[in-house]
Amino acid sequence: MAACGEFTAAELLDAAVDAAIGAGLLALADAGTASDPSTKAEQCLEAVPHLVLAVALASADLD
């Protein structure tokens, strides 16, 4: 899509960051509904890969 000129590489990265953050926040929201503390902790850990991906994408150098 970036090669066709429809979107810039920066716009694609921004969308990917938004999607990764959204996935992480959804995982954290699920953790908030758990009644057992260990289940909450496990579900919080499920958000980590999404948030790490968001940070990696946000810090990508396109130059």
C-alpha atoms as a PDB file:
ATOM      1  CA  MET A   1       0.000   0.000   0.000  1.00  0.00           C
ATOM      2  CA  ALA A   2       2.833   2.376   0.720  1.00  0.00           C
ATOM      3  CA  ALA A   3       4.484   1.504  -2.603  1.00  0.00           C
ATOM      4  CA  CYS A   4       1.300   2.392  -4.492  1.00  0.00           C
ATOM      5  CA  GLY A   5       1.213   5.836  -2.935  1.00  0.00           C
ATOM      6  CA  GLU A   6      -2.129   5.343  -1.198  1.00  0.00           C
ATOM      7  CA  PHE A   7      -0.549   5.646   2.239  1.00  0.00           C
ATOM      8  CA  THR A   8       2.851   6.678   3.465  1.00  0.00           C
ATOM      9  CA  ALA A   9       5.009   4.291   5.462  1.00  0.00           C
ATOM     10  CA  ALA A  10       4.553   6.550   8.495  1.00  0.00           C
ATOM     11  CA  GLU A  11       0.772   6.329   8.188  1.00  0.00           C
ATOM     12  CA  LEU A  12       0.953   2.541   8.011  1.00  0.00           C
ATOM     13  CA  LEU A  13       3.166   2.430  11.094  1.00  0.00           C
ATOM     14  CA  ASP A  14       0.801   4.753  12.951  1.00  0.00           C
ATOM     15  CA  ALA A  15      -2.127   2.471  12.133  1.00  0.00           C
ATOM     16  CA  ALA A  16      -0.159  -0.576  13.265  1.00  0.00           C
ATOM     17  CA  VAL A  17       0.724   1.157  16.546  1.00  0.00           C
ATOM     18  CA  ASP A  18      -2.929   2.034  17.105  1.00  0.00           C
ATOM     19  CA  ALA A  19      -3.984  -1.568  16.427  1.00  0.00           C
ATOM     20  CA  ALA A  20      -1.361  -3.003  18.783  1.00  0.00           C
ATOM     21  CA  ILE A  21      -2.316  -0.588  21.561  1.00  0.00           C
ATOM     22  CA  GLY A  22      -5.975  -1.420  21.035  1.00  0.00           C
ATOM     23  CA  ALA A  23      -5.275  -5.132  21.335  1.00  0.00           C
ATOM     24  CA  GLY A  24      -3.282  -4.549  24.513  1.00  0.00           C
ATOM     25  CA  LEU A  25      -6.035  -2.437  26.021  1.00  0.00           C
ATOM     26  CA  LEU A  26      -8.636  -5.071  25.190  1.00  0.00           C
ATOM     27  CA  ALA A  27      -6.523  -7.676  26.962  1.00  0.00           C
ATOM     28  CA  LEU A  28      -6.280  -5.407  30.003  1.00  0.00           C
ATOM     29  CA  ALA A  29     -10.028  -4.796  29.937  1.00  0.00           C
ATOM     30  CA  ASP A  30     -10.587  -8.552  30.018  1.00  0.00           C
ATOM     31  CA  ALA A  31      -8.321  -8.751  33.056  1.00  0.00           C
ATOM     32  CA  GLY A  32     -10.513  -6.249  34.841  1.00  0.00           C
ATOM     33  CA  THR A  33     -13.484  -8.599  34.650  1.00  0.00           C
ATOM     34  CA  ALA A  34     -11.722 -11.611  36.173  1.00  0.00           C
ATOM     35  CA  SER A  35     -12.645 -12.435  39.742  1.00  0.00           C
ATOM     36  CA  ASP A  36      -9.556 -14.455  40.665  1.00  0.00           C
ATOM     37  CA  PRO A  37      -6.315 -12.494  41.258  1.00  0.00           C
ATOM     38  CA  SER A  38      -4.146 -15.084  39.534  1.00  0.00           C
ATOM     39  CA  THR A  39      -6.413 -15.011  36.489  1.00  0.00           C
ATOM     40  CA  LYS A  40      -6.197 -11.219  36.460  1.00  0.00           C
ATOM     41  CA  ALA A  41      -2.408 -11.436  36.539  1.00  0.00           C
ATOM     42  CA  GLU A  42      -2.338 -13.947  33.681  1.00  0.00           C
ATOM     43  CA  GLN A  43      -4.633 -11.791  31.589  1.00  0.00           C
ATOM     44  CA  CYS A  44      -2.523  -8.690  32.278  1.00  0.00           C
ATOM     45  CA  LEU A  45       0.497 -10.602  31.016  1.00  0.00           C
ATOM     46  CA  GLU A  46      -1.382 -11.356  27.801  1.00  0.00           C
ATOM     47  CA  ALA A  47      -1.341  -7.618  27.060  1.00  0.00           C
ATOM     48  CA  VAL A  48       2.453  -7.384  27.247  1.00  0.00           C
ATOM     49  CA  PRO A  49       3.315  -8.644  23.730  1.00  0.00           C
ATOM     50  CA  HIS A  50       0.831  -6.211  22.184  1.00  0.00           C
ATOM     51  CA  LEU A  51       2.237  -3.265  24.115  1.00  0.00           C
ATOM     52  CA  VAL A  52       5.829  -4.271  23.330  1.00  0.00           C
ATOM     53  CA  LEU A  53       4.924  -4.427  19.656  1.00  0.00           C
ATOM     54  CA  ALA A  54       3.356  -0.961  19.862  1.00  0.00           C
ATOM     55  CA  VAL A  55       6.543   0.451  21.393  1.00  0.00           C
ATOM     56  CA  ALA A  56       8.729  -1.251  18.795  1.00  0.00           C
ATOM     57  CA  LEU A  57       6.608   0.072  15.942  1.00  0.00           C
ATOM     58  CA  ALA A  58       6.412   3.570  17.418  1.00  0.00           C
ATOM     59  CA  SER A  59      10.155   3.740  17.764  1.00  0.00           C
ATOM     60  CA  ALA A  60      10.911   2.413  14.280  1.00  0.00           C
ATOM     61  CA  ASP A  61      13.199   4.664  12.280  1.00  0.00           C
ATOM     62  CA  LEU A  62      11.988   5.068   8.717  1.00  0.00           C
ATOM     63  CA  ASP A  63      15.010   7.001   7.539  1.00  0.00           C
END
